[in-house]
Amino acid sequence: VKHYALTGEKLAPPTLEERIAMCKMHFDKSLEWKGPKAGIFEMRRHYAHYFRGLEGAKQWRTRLVDAELGEEVYAILEEIAASDAVLVG
């Protein structure tokens, strides 16, 4: 918003790699702040925003929401990064 207000130029949306990196950072901070159990639970509401517009997003979000361990979440995020899924729209 600030960039647009100053320049009138719209920035490109974040790439899938950037979204995954930000999601990992957010996840780490959530675990640090809330602890493992509450941190994992708290992050569930955010996955839809990180992966909106991703082909097959429902499958990935379902797996992320069902994950109960941090290692599972990281593994799923790595699977998304390694997949050939693309952002649409």
PDB file of N, CA and C in Angstrom:
ATOM      1  N   VAL A   1       0.839  -1.188   0.000  1.00  0.00           N
ATOM      2  CA  VAL A   1       0.000   0.000   0.000  1.00  0.00           C
ATOM      3  C   VAL A   1       0.882   1.249   0.000  1.00  0.00           C
ATOM      4  N   LYS A   2       1.916   1.234   0.847  1.00  0.00           N
ATOM      5  CA  LYS A   2       2.793   2.400   0.931  1.00  0.00           C
ATOM      6  C   LYS A   2       3.477   2.660  -0.416  1.00  0.00           C
ATOM      7  N   HIS A   3       3.981   1.602  -1.039  1.00  0.00           N
ATOM      8  CA  HIS A   3       4.648   1.751  -2.335  1.00  0.00           C
ATOM      9  C   HIS A   3       3.691   2.338  -3.373  1.00  0.00           C
ATOM     10  N   TYR A   4       2.472   1.830  -3.403  1.00  0.00           N
ATOM     11  CA  TYR A   4       1.472   2.321  -4.359  1.00  0.00           C
ATOM     12  C   TYR A   4       1.142   3.791  -4.095  1.00  0.00           C
ATOM     13  N   ALA A   5       1.003   4.149  -2.824  1.00  0.00           N
ATOM     14  CA  ALA A   5       0.674   5.530  -2.476  1.00  0.00           C
ATOM     15  C   ALA A   5       1.788   6.488  -2.896  1.00  0.00           C
ATOM     16  N   LEU A   6       3.035   6.025  -2.790  1.00  0.00           N
ATOM     17  CA  LEU A   6       4.164   6.883  -3.137  1.00  0.00           C
ATOM     18  C   LEU A   6       4.431   6.943  -4.638  1.00  0.00           C
ATOM     19  N   THR A   7       4.218   5.820  -5.340  1.00  0.00           N
ATOM     20  CA  THR A   7       4.628   5.748  -6.743  1.00  0.00           C
ATOM     21  C   THR A   7       3.479   5.557  -7.725  1.00  0.00           C
ATOM     22  N   GLY A   8       2.334   5.071  -7.256  1.00  0.00           N
ATOM     23  CA  GLY A   8       1.234   4.750  -8.157  1.00  0.00           C
ATOM     24  C   GLY A   8       1.435   3.429  -8.884  1.00  0.00           C
ATOM     25  N   GLU A   9       2.486   2.714  -8.530  1.00  0.00           N
ATOM     26  CA  GLU A   9       2.829   1.441  -9.175  1.00  0.00           C
ATOM     27  C   GLU A   9       2.397   0.272  -8.297  1.00  0.00           C
ATOM     28  N   LYS A  10       1.716  -0.697  -8.915  1.00  0.00           N
ATOM     29  CA  LYS A  10       1.328  -1.908  -8.192  1.00  0.00           C
ATOM     30  C   LYS A  10       2.474  -2.907  -8.252  1.00  0.00           C
ATOM     31  N   LEU A  11       2.830  -3.465  -7.106  1.00  0.00           N
ATOM     32  CA  LEU A  11       3.874  -4.481  -7.053  1.00  0.00           C
ATOM     33  C   LEU A  11       3.309  -5.829  -7.474  1.00  0.00           C
ATOM     34  N   ALA A  12       4.165  -6.667  -8.013  1.00  0.00           N
ATOM     35  CA  ALA A  12       3.760  -8.026  -8.378  1.00  0.00           C
ATOM     36  C   ALA A  12       3.449  -8.806  -7.106  1.00  0.00           C
ATOM     37  N   PRO A  13       2.499  -9.737  -7.171  1.00  0.00           N
ATOM     38  CA  PRO A  13       2.215 -10.550  -5.986  1.00  0.00           C
ATOM     39  C   PRO A  13       3.420 -11.423  -5.652  1.00  0.00           C
ATOM     40  N   PRO A  14       3.540 -11.856  -4.407  1.00  0.00           N
ATOM     41  CA  PRO A  14       4.682 -12.691  -4.028  1.00  0.00           C
ATOM     42  C   PRO A  14       4.656 -14.030  -4.764  1.00  0.00           C
ATOM     43  N   THR A  15       5.840 -14.534  -5.063  1.00  0.00           N
ATOM     44  CA  THR A  15       5.959 -15.836  -5.713  1.00  0.00           C
ATOM     45  C   THR A  15       5.638 -16.935  -4.710  1.00  0.00           C
ATOM     46  N   LEU A  16       5.471 -18.140  -5.201  1.00  0.00           N
ATOM     47  CA  LEU A  16       5.220 -19.275  -4.314  1.00  0.00           C
ATOM     48  C   LEU A  16       6.383 -19.456  -3.344  1.00  0.00           C
ATOM     49  N   GLU A  17       7.605 -19.309  -3.835  1.00  0.00           N
ATOM     50  CA  GLU A  17       8.785 -19.446  -2.979  1.00  0.00           C
ATOM     51  C   GLU A  17       8.776 -18.406  -1.863  1.00  0.00           C
ATOM     52  N   GLU A  18       8.400 -17.176  -2.198  1.00  0.00           N
ATOM     53  CA  GLU A  18       8.331 -16.115  -1.191  1.00  0.00           C
ATOM     54  C   GLU A  18       7.232 -16.400  -0.172  1.00  0.00           C
ATOM     55  N   ARG A  19       6.104 -16.910  -0.642  1.00  0.00           N
ATOM     56  CA  ARG A  19       5.005 -17.244   0.274  1.00  0.00           C
ATOM     57  C   ARG A  19       5.416 -18.352   1.239  1.00  0.00           C
ATOM     58  N   ILE A  20       6.092 -19.366   0.722  1.00  0.00           N
ATOM     59  CA  ILE A  20       6.526 -20.474   1.575  1.00  0.00           C
ATOM     60  C   ILE A  20       7.544 -19.982   2.593  1.00  0.00           C
ATOM     61  N   ALA A  21       8.490 -19.160   2.160  1.00  0.00           N
ATOM     62  CA  ALA A  21       9.490 -18.616   3.083  1.00  0.00           C
ATOM     63  C   ALA A  21       8.826 -17.797   4.187  1.00  0.00           C
ATOM     64  N   MET A  22       7.850 -16.975   3.831  1.00  0.00           N
ATOM     65  CA  MET A  22       7.154 -16.159   4.829  1.00  0.00           C
ATOM     66  C   MET A  22       6.329 -17.037   5.762  1.00  0.00           C
ATOM     67  N   CYS A  23       5.692 -18.068   5.211  1.00  0.00           N
ATOM     68  CA  CYS A  23       4.903 -18.984   6.033  1.00  0.00           C
ATOM     69  C   CYS A  23       5.799 -19.691   7.050  1.00  0.00           C
ATOM     70  N   LYS A  24       6.988 -20.116   6.616  1.00  0.00           N
ATOM     71  CA  LYS A  24       7.932 -20.764   7.539  1.00  0.00           C
ATOM     72  C   LYS A  24       8.359 -19.806   8.645  1.00  0.00           C
ATOM     73  N   MET A  25       8.646 -18.556   8.275  1.00  0.00           N
ATOM     74  CA  MET A  25       9.046 -17.578   9.276  1.00  0.00           C
ATOM     75  C   MET A  25       7.902 -17.325  10.263  1.00  0.00           C
ATOM     76  N   HIS A  26       6.696 -17.187   9.751  1.00  0.00           N
ATOM     77  CA  HIS A  26       5.512 -16.980  10.587  1.00  0.00           C
ATOM     78  C   HIS A  26       5.319 -18.179  11.517  1.00  0.00           C
ATOM     79  N   PHE A  27       5.477 -19.386  10.965  1.00  0.00           N
ATOM     80  CA  PHE A  27       5.332 -20.612  11.746  1.00  0.00           C
ATOM     81  C   PHE A  27       6.363 -20.652  12.876  1.00  0.00           C
ATOM     82  N   ASP A  28       7.618 -20.336  12.552  1.00  0.00           N
ATOM     83  CA  ASP A  28       8.677 -20.319  13.569  1.00  0.00           C
ATOM     84  C   ASP A  28       8.353 -19.340  14.690  1.00  0.00           C
ATOM     85  N   LYS A  29       7.906 -18.153  14.321  1.00  0.00           N
ATOM     86  CA  LYS A  29       7.568 -17.137  15.329  1.00  0.00           C
ATOM     87  C   LYS A  29       6.363 -17.568  16.160  1.00  0.00           C
ATOM     88  N   SER A  30       5.412 -18.234  15.534  1.00  0.00           N
ATOM     89  CA  SER A  30       4.238 -18.723  16.254  1.00  0.00           C
ATOM     90  C   SER A  30       4.646 -19.765  17.294  1.00  0.00           C
ATOM     91  N   LEU A  31       5.534 -20.680  16.901  1.00  0.00           N
ATOM     92  CA  LEU A  31       6.011 -21.695  17.850  1.00  0.00           C
ATOM     93  C   LEU A  31       6.808 -21.048  18.977  1.00  0.00           C
ATOM     94  N   GLU A  32       7.625 -20.073  18.630  1.00  0.00           N
ATOM     95  CA  GLU A  32       8.441 -19.374  19.620  1.00  0.00           C
ATOM     96  C   GLU A  32       7.558 -18.635  20.630  1.00  0.00           C
ATOM     97  N   TRP A  33       6.530 -17.994  20.132  1.00  0.00           N
ATOM     98  CA  TRP A  33       5.666 -17.169  20.973  1.00  0.00           C
ATOM     99  C   TRP A  33       4.661 -17.997  21.776  1.00  0.00           C
ATOM    100  N   LYS A  34       4.017 -18.977  21.124  1.00  0.00           N
ATOM    101  CA  LYS A  34       2.916 -19.714  21.745  1.00  0.00           C
ATOM    102  C   LYS A  34       3.295 -21.094  22.254  1.00  0.00           C
ATOM    103  N   GLY A  35       4.445 -21.624  21.818  1.00  0.00           N
ATOM    104  CA  GLY A  35       4.798 -23.003  22.139  1.00  0.00           C
ATOM    105  C   GLY A  35       4.294 -23.929  21.042  1.00  0.00           C
ATOM    106  N   PRO A  36       4.760 -25.178  21.036  1.00  0.00           N
ATOM    107  CA  PRO A  36       4.436 -26.082  19.927  1.00  0.00           C
ATOM    108  C   PRO A  36       2.944 -26.334  19.723  1.00  0.00           C
ATOM    109  N   LYS A  37       2.249 -26.705  20.757  1.00  0.00           N
ATOM    110  CA  LYS A  37       0.845 -27.085  20.588  1.00  0.00           C
ATOM    111  C   LYS A  37      -0.012 -25.898  20.142  1.00  0.00           C
ATOM    112  N   ALA A  38       0.042 -24.810  20.883  1.00  0.00           N
ATOM    113  CA  ALA A  38      -0.765 -23.632  20.550  1.00  0.00           C
ATOM    114  C   ALA A  38      -0.274 -22.971  19.264  1.00  0.00           C
ATOM    115  N   GLY A  39       1.038 -22.985  19.034  1.00  0.00           N
ATOM    116  CA  GLY A  39       1.592 -22.378  17.824  1.00  0.00           C
ATOM    117  C   GLY A  39       1.111 -23.073  16.568  1.00  0.00           C
ATOM    118  N   ILE A  40       1.118 -24.404  16.589  1.00  0.00           N
ATOM    119  CA  ILE A  40       0.634 -25.175  15.438  1.00  0.00           C
ATOM    120  C   ILE A  40      -0.855 -24.924  15.245  1.00  0.00           C
ATOM    121  N   PHE A  41      -1.612 -24.937  16.324  1.00  0.00           N
ATOM    122  CA  PHE A  41      -3.055 -24.697  16.246  1.00  0.00           C
ATOM    123  C   PHE A  41      -3.346 -23.298  15.702  1.00  0.00           C
ATOM    124  N   GLU A  42      -2.625 -22.301  16.186  1.00  0.00           N
ATOM    125  CA  GLU A  42      -2.833 -20.911  15.762  1.00  0.00           C
ATOM    126  C   GLU A  42      -2.569 -20.722  14.273  1.00  0.00           C
ATOM    127  N   MET A  43      -1.580 -21.400  13.741  1.00  0.00           N
ATOM    128  CA  MET A  43      -1.216 -21.224  12.333  1.00  0.00           C
ATOM    129  C   MET A  43      -2.275 -21.749  11.375  1.00  0.00           C
ATOM    130  N   ARG A  44      -3.124 -22.626  11.831  1.00  0.00           N
ATOM    131  CA  ARG A  44      -4.120 -23.241  10.945  1.00  0.00           C
ATOM    132  C   ARG A  44      -4.966 -22.203  10.225  1.00  0.00           C
ATOM    133  N   ARG A  45      -5.271 -21.126  10.887  1.00  0.00           N
ATOM    134  CA  ARG A  45      -6.140 -20.115  10.279  1.00  0.00           C
ATOM    135  C   ARG A  45      -5.432 -19.304   9.193  1.00  0.00           C
ATOM    136  N   HIS A  46      -4.115 -19.382   9.137  1.00  0.00           N
ATOM    137  CA  HIS A  46      -3.362 -18.549   8.201  1.00  0.00           C
ATOM    138  C   HIS A  46      -3.013 -19.236   6.884  1.00  0.00           C
ATOM    139  N   TYR A  47      -3.047 -20.556   6.849  1.00  0.00           N
ATOM    140  CA  TYR A  47      -2.615 -21.267   5.642  1.00  0.00           C
ATOM    141  C   TYR A  47      -3.425 -20.883   4.411  1.00  0.00           C
ATOM    142  N   ALA A  48      -4.712 -20.657   4.556  1.00  0.00           N
ATOM    143  CA  ALA A  48      -5.546 -20.291   3.407  1.00  0.00           C
ATOM    144  C   ALA A  48      -5.042 -19.003   2.755  1.00  0.00           C
ATOM    145  N   HIS A  49      -4.569 -18.066   3.556  1.00  0.00           N
ATOM    146  CA  HIS A  49      -4.073 -16.803   3.011  1.00  0.00           C
ATOM    147  C   HIS A  49      -2.742 -16.993   2.286  1.00  0.00           C
ATOM    148  N   TYR A  50      -1.873 -17.814   2.852  1.00  0.00           N
ATOM    149  CA  TYR A  50      -0.573 -18.031   2.222  1.00  0.00           C
ATOM    150  C   TYR A  50      -0.694 -18.740   0.879  1.00  0.00           C
ATOM    151  N   PHE A  51      -1.664 -19.630   0.755  1.00  0.00           N
ATOM    152  CA  PHE A  51      -1.723 -20.466  -0.441  1.00  0.00           C
ATOM    153  C   PHE A  51      -2.947 -20.203  -1.309  1.00  0.00           C
ATOM    154  N   ARG A  52      -3.576 -19.062  -1.131  1.00  0.00           N
ATOM    155  CA  ARG A  52      -4.698 -18.670  -1.988  1.00  0.00           C
ATOM    156  C   ARG A  52      -4.192 -18.553  -3.422  1.00  0.00           C
ATOM    157  N   GLY A  53      -4.951 -19.142  -4.339  1.00  0.00           N
ATOM    158  CA  GLY A  53      -4.593 -19.072  -5.746  1.00  0.00           C
ATOM    159  C   GLY A  53      -3.637 -20.155  -6.207  1.00  0.00           C
ATOM    160  N   LEU A  54      -3.272 -21.071  -5.325  1.00  0.00           N
ATOM    161  CA  LEU A  54      -2.364 -22.162  -5.675  1.00  0.00           C
ATOM    162  C   LEU A  54      -3.168 -23.349  -6.179  1.00  0.00           C
ATOM    163  N   GLU A  55      -2.766 -23.892  -7.325  1.00  0.00           N
ATOM    164  CA  GLU A  55      -3.435 -25.092  -7.828  1.00  0.00           C
ATOM    165  C   GLU A  55      -3.338 -26.192  -6.780  1.00  0.00           C
ATOM    166  N   GLY A  56      -4.445 -26.845  -6.501  1.00  0.00           N
ATOM    167  CA  GLY A  56      -4.458 -27.928  -5.523  1.00  0.00           C
ATOM    168  C   GLY A  56      -4.333 -27.455  -4.086  1.00  0.00           C
ATOM    169  N   ALA A  57      -4.631 -26.184  -3.836  1.00  0.00           N
ATOM    170  CA  ALA A  57      -4.448 -25.604  -2.502  1.00  0.00           C
ATOM    171  C   ALA A  57      -5.257 -26.331  -1.436  1.00  0.00           C
ATOM    172  N   LYS A  58      -6.439 -26.800  -1.785  1.00  0.00           N
ATOM    173  CA  LYS A  58      -7.286 -27.459  -0.785  1.00  0.00           C
ATOM    174  C   LYS A  58      -6.582 -28.675  -0.191  1.00  0.00           C
ATOM    175  N   GLN A  59      -5.969 -29.481  -1.044  1.00  0.00           N
ATOM    176  CA  GLN A  59      -5.247 -30.671  -0.577  1.00  0.00           C
ATOM    177  C   GLN A  59      -4.114 -30.283   0.370  1.00  0.00           C
ATOM    178  N   TRP A  60      -3.321 -29.266   0.000  1.00  0.00           N
ATOM    179  CA  TRP A  60      -2.200 -28.839   0.835  1.00  0.00           C
ATOM    180  C   TRP A  60      -2.702 -28.267   2.166  1.00  0.00           C
ATOM    181  N   ARG A  61      -3.726 -27.413   2.102  1.00  0.00           N
ATOM    182  CA  ARG A  61      -4.258 -26.804   3.334  1.00  0.00           C
ATOM    183  C   ARG A  61      -4.803 -27.862   4.274  1.00  0.00           C
ATOM    184  N   THR A  62      -5.508 -28.847   3.727  1.00  0.00           N
ATOM    185  CA  THR A  62      -6.057 -29.913   4.565  1.00  0.00           C
ATOM    186  C   THR A  62      -4.938 -30.641   5.291  1.00  0.00           C
ATOM    187  N   ARG A  63      -3.881 -30.956   4.583  1.00  0.00           N
ATOM    188  CA  ARG A  63      -2.754 -31.650   5.211  1.00  0.00           C
ATOM    189  C   ARG A  63      -2.076 -30.772   6.262  1.00  0.00           C
ATOM    190  N   LEU A  64      -1.917 -29.481   5.965  1.00  0.00           N
ATOM    191  CA  LEU A  64      -1.296 -28.577   6.936  1.00  0.00           C
ATOM    192  C   LEU A  64      -2.148 -28.449   8.194  1.00  0.00           C
ATOM    193  N   VAL A  65      -3.449 -28.341   8.026  1.00  0.00           N
ATOM    194  CA  VAL A  65      -4.353 -28.205   9.172  1.00  0.00           C
ATOM    195  C   VAL A  65      -4.374 -29.483  10.002  1.00  0.00           C
ATOM    196  N   ASP A  66      -4.242 -30.630   9.354  1.00  0.00           N
ATOM    197  CA  ASP A  66      -4.253 -31.908  10.070  1.00  0.00           C
ATOM    198  C   ASP A  66      -2.925 -32.223  10.757  1.00  0.00           C
ATOM    199  N   ALA A  67      -1.853 -31.539  10.375  1.00  0.00           N
ATOM    200  CA  ALA A  67      -0.529 -31.809  10.949  1.00  0.00           C
ATOM    201  C   ALA A  67      -0.523 -31.469  12.436  1.00  0.00           C
ATOM    202  N   GLU A  68       0.094 -32.339  13.216  1.00  0.00           N
ATOM    203  CA  GLU A  68       0.153 -32.132  14.665  1.00  0.00           C
ATOM    204  C   GLU A  68       1.561 -31.870  15.176  1.00  0.00           C
ATOM    205  N   LEU A  69       2.556 -32.027  14.307  1.00  0.00           N
ATOM    206  CA  LEU A  69       3.945 -31.802  14.700  1.00  0.00           C
ATOM    207  C   LEU A  69       4.588 -30.784  13.767  1.00  0.00           C
ATOM    208  N   GLY A  70       5.499 -30.006  14.309  1.00  0.00           N
ATOM    209  CA  GLY A  70       6.201 -29.027  13.492  1.00  0.00           C
ATOM    210  C   GLY A  70       6.929 -29.657  12.322  1.00  0.00           C
ATOM    211  N   GLU A  71       7.507 -30.835  12.552  1.00  0.00           N
ATOM    212  CA  GLU A  71       8.230 -31.531  11.485  1.00  0.00           C
ATOM    213  C   GLU A  71       7.302 -31.870  10.322  1.00  0.00           C
ATOM    214  N   GLU A  72       6.060 -32.216  10.640  1.00  0.00           N
ATOM    215  CA  GLU A  72       5.081 -32.511   9.586  1.00  0.00           C
ATOM    216  C   GLU A  72       4.798 -31.259   8.758  1.00  0.00           C
ATOM    217  N   VAL A  73       4.629 -30.140   9.434  1.00  0.00           N
ATOM    218  CA  VAL A  73       4.341 -28.886   8.738  1.00  0.00           C
ATOM    219  C   VAL A  73       5.496 -28.538   7.803  1.00  0.00           C
ATOM    220  N   TYR A  74       6.735 -28.612   8.311  1.00  0.00           N
ATOM    221  CA  TYR A  74       7.894 -28.305   7.474  1.00  0.00           C
ATOM    222  C   TYR A  74       7.978 -29.249   6.278  1.00  0.00           C
ATOM    223  N   ALA A  75       7.707 -30.532   6.492  1.00  0.00           N
ATOM    224  CA  ALA A  75       7.759 -31.506   5.396  1.00  0.00           C
ATOM    225  C   ALA A  75       6.723 -31.172   4.323  1.00  0.00           C
ATOM    226  N   ILE A  76       5.529 -30.790   4.736  1.00  0.00           N
ATOM    227  CA  ILE A  76       4.476 -30.440   3.775  1.00  0.00           C
ATOM    228  C   ILE A  76       4.859 -29.171   3.018  1.00  0.00           C
ATOM    229  N   LEU A  77       5.404 -28.194   3.718  1.00  0.00           N
ATOM    230  CA  LEU A  77       5.834 -26.965   3.044  1.00  0.00           C
ATOM    231  C   LEU A  77       6.924 -27.260   2.019  1.00  0.00           C
ATOM    232  N   GLU A  78       7.824 -28.177   2.345  1.00  0.00           N
ATOM    233  CA  GLU A  78       8.864 -28.573   1.388  1.00  0.00           C
ATOM    234  C   GLU A  78       8.257 -29.294   0.188  1.00  0.00           C
ATOM    235  N   GLU A  79       7.232 -30.106   0.429  1.00  0.00           N
ATOM    236  CA  GLU A  79       6.541 -30.780  -0.679  1.00  0.00           C
ATOM    237  C   GLU A  79       5.899 -29.758  -1.612  1.00  0.00           C
ATOM    238  N   ILE A  80       5.294 -28.737  -1.030  1.00  0.00           N
ATOM    239  CA  ILE A  80       4.673 -27.692  -1.851  1.00  0.00           C
ATOM    240  C   ILE A  80       5.746 -27.005  -2.693  1.00  0.00           C
ATOM    241  N   ALA A  81       6.870 -26.676  -2.061  1.00  0.00           N
ATOM    242  CA  ALA A  81       7.954 -25.995  -2.774  1.00  0.00           C
ATOM    243  C   ALA A  81       8.500 -26.855  -3.914  1.00  0.00           C
ATOM    244  N   ALA A  82       8.573 -28.169  -3.699  1.00  0.00           N
ATOM    245  CA  ALA A  82       9.130 -29.080  -4.705  1.00  0.00           C
ATOM    246  C   ALA A  82       8.111 -29.480  -5.766  1.00  0.00           C
ATOM    247  N   SER A  83       6.853 -29.192  -5.521  1.00  0.00           N
ATOM    248  CA  SER A  83       5.806 -29.598  -6.460  1.00  0.00           C
ATOM    249  C   SER A  83       5.831 -28.704  -7.697  1.00  0.00           C
ATOM    250  N   ASP A  84       5.076 -29.118  -8.690  1.00  0.00           N
ATOM    251  CA  ASP A  84       4.959 -28.291  -9.891  1.00  0.00           C
ATOM    252  C   ASP A  84       3.695 -27.430  -9.845  1.00  0.00           C
ATOM    253  N   ALA A  85       3.154 -27.244  -8.644  1.00  0.00           N
ATOM    254  CA  ALA A  85       1.954 -26.417  -8.475  1.00  0.00           C
ATOM    255  C   ALA A  85       2.277 -24.975  -8.859  1.00  0.00           C
ATOM    256  N   VAL A  86       1.316 -24.333  -9.454  1.00  0.00           N
ATOM    257  CA  VAL A  86       1.506 -22.946  -9.876  1.00  0.00           C
ATOM    258  C   VAL A  86       0.412 -22.068  -9.280  1.00  0.00           C
ATOM    259  N   LEU A  87       0.731 -20.806  -9.159  1.00  0.00           N
ATOM    260  CA  LEU A  87      -0.258 -19.828  -8.704  1.00  0.00           C
ATOM    261  C   LEU A  87      -1.097 -19.409  -9.895  1.00  0.00           C
ATOM    262  N   VAL A  88      -2.395 -19.399  -9.703  1.00  0.00           N
ATOM    263  CA  VAL A  88      -3.309 -18.992 -10.773  1.00  0.00           C
ATOM    264  C   VAL A  88      -4.050 -17.737 -10.337  1.00  0.00           C
ATOM    265  N   GLY A  89      -4.459 -16.971 -11.303  1.00  0.00           N
ATOM    266  CA  GLY A  89      -5.260 -15.796 -10.983  1.00  0.00           C
ATOM    267  C   GLY A  89      -4.529 -14.607 -10.649  1.00  0.00           C
TER     268      GLY A  89
END
